Amino acid sequence: MLIEETFEDVPTSCGQTPMRCYIFTPKVANYPQAKFPGVIVYSEIYQVTGPVRRFAQRIASQGYVVIAPAIYHNFVGPEAMPYDVKGTDDGNQYKIEKSLSSYDEDNKLCCDLLYRLPQFDGARIGVTGMCLGGHLAFRALLDKRISCATCFFPTDIHSKTLGLGKNDDSLERVSKELTRDQEMILIFGTLDTHVPPEGRDLIRKTLRDNNCRVTFLEVLEAQHAFIRDESSKGRYDAAITEGCLGLMLEQFNRSLKTTLGPFVDNTKPSVHVC
């Protein structure tokens, strides 16, 4: 499936510049009015780099209209930041200088933009992201227009250190406010130094204790940023990435493309059989 790429600059209440939203739309020959479910892709700390753009393109090519916002509009323009020492330092600094309310407004504006796009089917929205973007995808579930999220190695959830003041409430709020018709996939590598085992245990236990609908995956010997196919410092794993994308697309296809009707909790206890 071919895709078309455009962008829209969206005004915000707390940015030096508008938030640039890159838009990736499937194109079906002879069907100019085709409509698709929506997906928001949140980037790592470097904004919409080549790997993030290719990630968004892959999702769009499966029949989704995708928005990838440049999230550091509070401080800089929409250009991608380099994978070098300065880019890393700047990205990590902006991450904790941007307020939680600004992150939440960005998500609202992305949802609003999807509903304005003629190629969006007006039904359900999924969200995904990596690293910082994984946390933002997790937090995006606070907007009930979001049906599902796939979060790749989300940082700072366990430590509550996202945003201005480094005291976010993402895990507490999402675990308590997630509705029964929302679900998520959280994917970590067992060698992820950004989210240590005790941090992953905390996230999993909190979500389980609150009966959240979650698939929690720890991939043996995968490292942080294993999905990044550029400047990954030797951590990119194409085979593991392909398997994880299959999980994400299964969730998106089931939750976003299918008319499921209202949620009815008719789950029965598992029967112990051999």
Protein backbone atom coordinates (compact mmCIF):
# COMPACT_ATOMS: atom_id res chain seq x y z
CA MET A 1 0.00 0.00 0.00
CA LEU A 2 1.40 3.38 -1.00
CA ILE A 3 1.41 6.24 1.50
CA GLU A 4 1.33 10.02 1.26
CA GLU A 5 3.26 12.26 3.66
CA THR A 6 2.24 15.76 4.70
CA PHE A 7 2.35 17.82 7.89
CA GLU A 8 0.28 20.34 9.80
CA ASP A 9 1.54 22.92 12.29
CA VAL A 10 -0.83 22.92 15.25
CA PRO A 11 -0.92 25.90 17.66
CA THR A 12 -0.49 25.10 21.34
CA SER A 13 -0.96 27.09 24.52
CA CYS A 14 2.59 26.58 25.79
CA GLY A 15 5.02 26.44 22.91
CA GLN A 16 7.48 28.82 21.31
CA THR A 17 6.47 27.39 17.94
CA PRO A 18 3.47 25.38 16.76
CA MET A 19 3.61 21.61 17.18
CA ARG A 20 4.43 20.09 13.82
CA CYS A 21 2.45 16.91 13.23
CA TYR A 22 3.76 14.72 10.44
CA ILE A 23 0.88 12.88 8.76
CA PHE A 24 1.25 9.54 6.97
CA THR A 25 -1.82 8.44 5.01
CA PRO A 26 -2.41 5.21 3.04
CA LYS A 27 -3.35 5.67 -0.59
CA VAL A 28 -5.59 3.09 -2.26
CA ALA A 29 -5.67 3.36 -6.05
CA ASN A 30 -9.07 4.47 -7.39
CA TYR A 31 -10.44 5.16 -3.89
CA PRO A 32 -9.62 8.82 -3.14
CA GLN A 33 -12.15 9.00 -0.27
CA ALA A 34 -10.92 5.92 1.60
CA LYS A 35 -10.93 6.27 5.39
CA PHE A 36 -8.74 4.57 7.97
CA PRO A 37 -8.34 4.16 11.74
CA GLY A 38 -5.92 6.55 13.42
CA VAL A 39 -2.61 5.95 15.18
CA ILE A 40 -0.41 8.42 17.03
CA VAL A 41 3.33 7.67 17.06
CA TYR A 42 5.40 9.28 19.81
CA SER A 43 9.12 9.64 19.28
CA GLU A 44 12.09 9.18 21.54
CA ILE A 45 13.93 12.25 22.86
CA TYR A 46 15.28 13.18 19.42
CA GLN A 47 11.90 14.10 17.86
CA VAL A 48 10.87 12.60 14.51
CA THR A 49 14.11 11.07 13.29
CA GLY A 50 14.63 8.67 10.41
CA PRO A 51 13.88 5.56 12.51
CA VAL A 52 10.69 7.14 13.90
CA ARG A 53 9.58 8.22 10.42
CA ARG A 54 10.17 4.70 9.04
CA PHE A 55 8.27 3.24 12.00
CA ALA A 56 5.32 5.53 11.24
CA GLN A 57 5.51 4.66 7.54
CA ARG A 58 5.33 0.94 8.30
CA ILE A 59 2.20 1.41 10.38
CA ALA A 60 0.56 3.63 7.76
CA SER A 61 1.29 1.05 5.06
CA GLN A 62 -0.88 -1.41 7.00
CA GLY A 63 -3.94 0.82 6.58
CA TYR A 64 -3.77 3.48 9.29
CA VAL A 65 -3.59 7.26 9.12
CA VAL A 66 -0.65 8.08 11.37
CA ILE A 67 0.33 11.28 13.17
CA ALA A 68 3.86 11.73 14.52
CA PRO A 69 4.20 14.99 16.51
CA ALA A 70 7.41 16.92 17.14
CA ILE A 71 7.02 17.17 20.90
CA TYR A 72 9.68 19.74 21.81
CA HIS A 73 7.87 22.70 20.26
CA ASN A 74 8.19 24.35 23.70
CA PHE A 75 11.90 24.84 23.11
CA VAL A 76 12.97 24.28 19.49
CA GLY A 77 11.65 23.87 15.99
CA PRO A 78 10.32 20.62 14.53
CA GLU A 79 13.61 19.38 13.10
CA ALA A 80 14.95 16.03 14.28
CA MET A 81 17.83 16.21 16.73
CA PRO A 82 21.03 14.28 15.98
CA TYR A 83 21.96 11.05 17.72
CA ASP A 84 25.07 12.61 19.27
CA VAL A 85 26.11 13.84 22.69
CA LYS A 86 24.53 17.28 22.29
CA GLY A 87 21.32 15.86 20.85
CA THR A 88 21.09 13.39 23.72
CA ASP A 89 21.82 16.01 26.38
CA ASP A 90 19.35 18.49 24.89
CA GLY A 91 16.63 15.86 24.50
CA ASN A 92 17.02 14.64 28.07
CA GLN A 93 16.93 18.21 29.37
CA TYR A 94 13.83 19.18 27.40
CA LYS A 95 12.13 16.01 28.62
CA ILE A 96 12.22 17.25 32.22
CA GLU A 97 11.65 20.93 31.44
CA LYS A 98 8.37 20.33 29.59
CA SER A 99 5.33 20.26 31.88
CA LEU A 100 2.99 17.29 32.17
CA SER A 101 0.12 19.55 31.19
CA SER A 102 1.93 20.36 27.93
CA TYR A 103 2.48 16.66 27.20
CA ASP A 104 -1.23 16.04 27.85
CA GLU A 105 -2.27 18.97 25.68
CA ASP A 106 -0.11 17.60 22.85
CA ASN A 107 -1.96 14.30 23.02
CA LYS A 108 -5.34 16.04 23.03
CA LEU A 109 -4.36 18.13 20.03
CA CYS A 110 -3.17 15.05 18.13
CA CYS A 111 -6.52 13.35 18.75
CA ASP A 112 -8.34 16.52 17.73
CA LEU A 113 -6.29 16.71 14.53
CA LEU A 114 -7.13 13.14 13.62
CA TYR A 115 -10.83 13.91 13.93
CA ARG A 116 -10.39 16.84 11.54
CA LEU A 117 -8.66 14.77 8.88
CA PRO A 118 -11.00 13.59 6.11
CA GLN A 119 -9.04 10.33 5.78
CA PHE A 120 -9.70 9.34 9.42
CA ASP A 121 -12.67 7.01 9.84
CA GLY A 122 -13.83 8.83 12.97
CA ALA A 123 -13.90 5.69 15.09
CA ARG A 124 -10.96 4.58 17.23
CA ILE A 125 -7.38 5.69 17.82
CA GLY A 126 -4.32 3.66 18.79
CA VAL A 127 -1.00 4.96 20.03
CA THR A 128 2.56 3.73 20.17
CA GLY A 129 6.02 5.04 20.87
CA MET A 130 9.51 4.18 21.96
CA CYS A 131 11.57 5.27 24.99
CA LEU A 132 10.14 8.67 26.02
CA GLY A 133 7.49 8.04 23.36
CA GLY A 134 6.63 4.76 25.06
CA HIS A 135 5.84 6.67 28.25
CA LEU A 136 3.80 9.21 26.29
CA ALA A 137 1.88 6.38 24.61
CA PHE A 138 1.19 4.90 28.05
CA ARG A 139 0.01 8.26 29.40
CA ALA A 140 -2.08 8.88 26.27
CA LEU A 141 -4.56 6.30 27.57
CA LEU A 142 -5.81 8.99 29.96
CA ASP A 143 -7.66 10.36 26.91
CA LYS A 144 -10.58 7.99 26.48
CA ARG A 145 -10.52 8.47 22.72
CA ILE A 146 -7.45 6.21 22.79
CA SER A 147 -8.49 2.56 22.54
CA CYS A 148 -5.12 0.87 22.83
CA ALA A 149 -1.40 1.49 23.22
CA THR A 150 1.78 -0.42 22.42
CA CYS A 151 4.65 0.98 24.47
CA PHE A 152 8.21 0.08 23.49
CA PHE A 153 10.63 0.24 26.46
CA PRO A 154 8.83 3.22 28.09
CA THR A 155 11.15 5.19 30.35
CA ASP A 156 10.50 7.06 33.61
CA ILE A 157 7.21 5.32 34.44
CA HIS A 158 8.73 3.36 37.31
CA SER A 159 10.73 6.32 38.64
CA LYS A 160 8.01 8.99 38.20
CA THR A 161 10.57 11.36 36.65
CA LEU A 162 8.86 12.65 33.49
CA GLY A 163 8.23 16.35 33.06
CA LEU A 164 8.85 19.55 34.97
CA GLY A 165 9.59 18.77 38.61
CA LYS A 166 10.35 15.11 37.77
CA ASN A 167 7.29 13.87 39.67
CA ASP A 168 4.80 12.45 37.17
CA ASP A 169 1.66 10.53 38.08
CA SER A 170 1.45 8.36 34.96
CA LEU A 171 1.54 4.91 36.58
CA GLU A 172 -0.83 5.87 39.38
CA ARG A 173 -3.38 7.49 37.09
CA VAL A 174 -3.30 5.07 34.18
CA SER A 175 -3.52 2.02 36.46
CA LYS A 176 -6.60 3.47 38.15
CA GLU A 177 -8.27 5.28 35.24
CA LEU A 178 -7.85 2.71 32.47
CA THR A 179 -11.31 1.61 31.35
CA ARG A 180 -12.27 -1.97 30.56
CA ASP A 181 -12.43 -1.24 26.85
CA GLN A 182 -8.86 0.09 26.77
CA GLU A 183 -5.80 -2.14 26.63
CA MET A 184 -2.04 -1.91 26.33
CA ILE A 185 1.10 -3.82 25.45
CA LEU A 186 4.32 -2.99 27.30
CA ILE A 187 7.55 -4.34 25.81
CA PHE A 188 10.94 -4.30 27.52
CA GLY A 189 14.24 -6.05 27.03
CA THR A 190 15.71 -7.94 29.95
CA LEU A 191 18.98 -6.02 29.43
CA ASP A 192 17.32 -2.59 29.44
CA THR A 193 19.48 -0.45 31.72
CA HIS A 194 16.99 2.44 31.59
CA VAL A 195 14.24 0.39 33.24
CA PRO A 196 15.86 -2.11 35.64
CA PRO A 197 14.20 -5.37 36.74
CA GLU A 198 12.77 -3.86 39.91
CA GLY A 199 11.26 -1.02 37.85
CA ARG A 200 9.63 -3.46 35.45
CA ASP A 201 8.35 -5.49 38.40
CA LEU A 202 6.78 -2.37 39.92
CA ILE A 203 4.99 -1.48 36.69
CA ARG A 204 3.71 -5.00 36.12
CA LYS A 205 2.51 -5.44 39.72
CA THR A 206 0.75 -2.08 39.81
CA LEU A 207 -1.11 -2.77 36.57
CA ARG A 208 -2.00 -6.30 37.65
CA ASP A 209 -3.21 -5.17 41.08
CA ASN A 210 -5.57 -2.75 39.35
CA ASN A 211 -6.89 -5.38 36.93
CA CYS A 212 -5.65 -3.50 33.89
CA ARG A 213 -5.91 -5.20 30.51
CA VAL A 214 -2.22 -5.48 29.67
CA THR A 215 0.18 -7.70 27.81
CA PHE A 216 3.56 -7.40 29.53
CA LEU A 217 6.53 -8.72 27.57
CA GLU A 218 10.18 -8.95 28.62
CA VAL A 219 12.33 -10.07 25.69
CA LEU A 220 15.33 -12.15 26.64
CA GLU A 221 18.63 -10.29 26.21
CA ALA A 222 17.07 -7.40 24.28
CA GLN A 223 18.47 -3.99 25.16
CA HIS A 224 17.02 -0.51 25.34
CA ALA A 225 16.38 0.98 21.87
CA PHE A 226 16.43 -2.44 20.22
CA ILE A 227 13.87 -1.19 17.68
CA ARG A 228 15.99 1.76 16.47
CA ASP A 229 17.57 0.88 13.14
CA GLU A 230 20.01 3.81 13.14
CA SER A 231 22.65 4.92 15.66
CA SER A 232 21.49 2.28 18.13
CA LYS A 233 25.03 1.76 19.47
CA GLY A 234 24.89 -1.91 18.60
CA ARG A 235 21.51 -2.60 20.20
CA TYR A 236 19.24 -2.87 17.13
CA ASP A 237 17.71 -6.33 16.75
CA ALA A 238 15.72 -6.67 13.52
CA ALA A 239 14.33 -10.12 14.32
CA ILE A 240 12.99 -9.13 17.74
CA THR A 241 11.64 -5.90 16.30
CA GLU A 242 9.70 -7.82 13.65
CA GLY A 243 8.11 -10.07 16.27
CA CYS A 244 7.12 -7.13 18.47
CA LEU A 245 5.62 -5.25 15.53
CA GLY A 246 3.46 -8.32 14.92
CA LEU A 247 2.08 -8.03 18.45
CA MET A 248 1.40 -4.32 17.96
CA LEU A 249 -0.38 -4.82 14.64
CA GLU A 250 -2.49 -7.65 16.06
CA GLN A 251 -3.66 -5.27 18.77
CA PHE A 252 -4.30 -2.44 16.31
CA ASN A 253 -6.11 -4.67 13.81
CA ARG A 254 -8.37 -6.15 16.48
CA SER A 255 -9.01 -2.99 18.48
CA LEU A 256 -9.14 -0.36 15.74
CA LYS A 257 -10.31 -2.05 12.55
CA THR A 258 -13.00 -4.29 14.01
CA THR A 259 -16.40 -3.03 15.16
CA LEU A 260 -16.37 -4.68 18.56
CA GLY A 261 -19.46 -3.15 20.14
CA PRO A 262 -19.59 -2.38 23.86
CA PHE A 263 -17.26 -4.17 26.27
CA VAL A 264 -18.89 -7.06 28.12
CA ASP A 265 -16.83 -8.79 30.80
CA ASN A 266 -17.76 -12.42 30.23
CA THR A 267 -14.31 -13.86 30.90
CA LYS A 268 -14.48 -17.21 32.63
CA PRO A 269 -11.80 -18.64 34.91
CA SER A 270 -9.23 -20.70 33.07
CA VAL A 271 -9.69 -24.42 33.40
CA HIS A 272 -6.58 -26.34 34.47
CA VAL A 273 -6.12 -29.07 31.87
CA CYS A 274 -3.16 -31.01 30.50
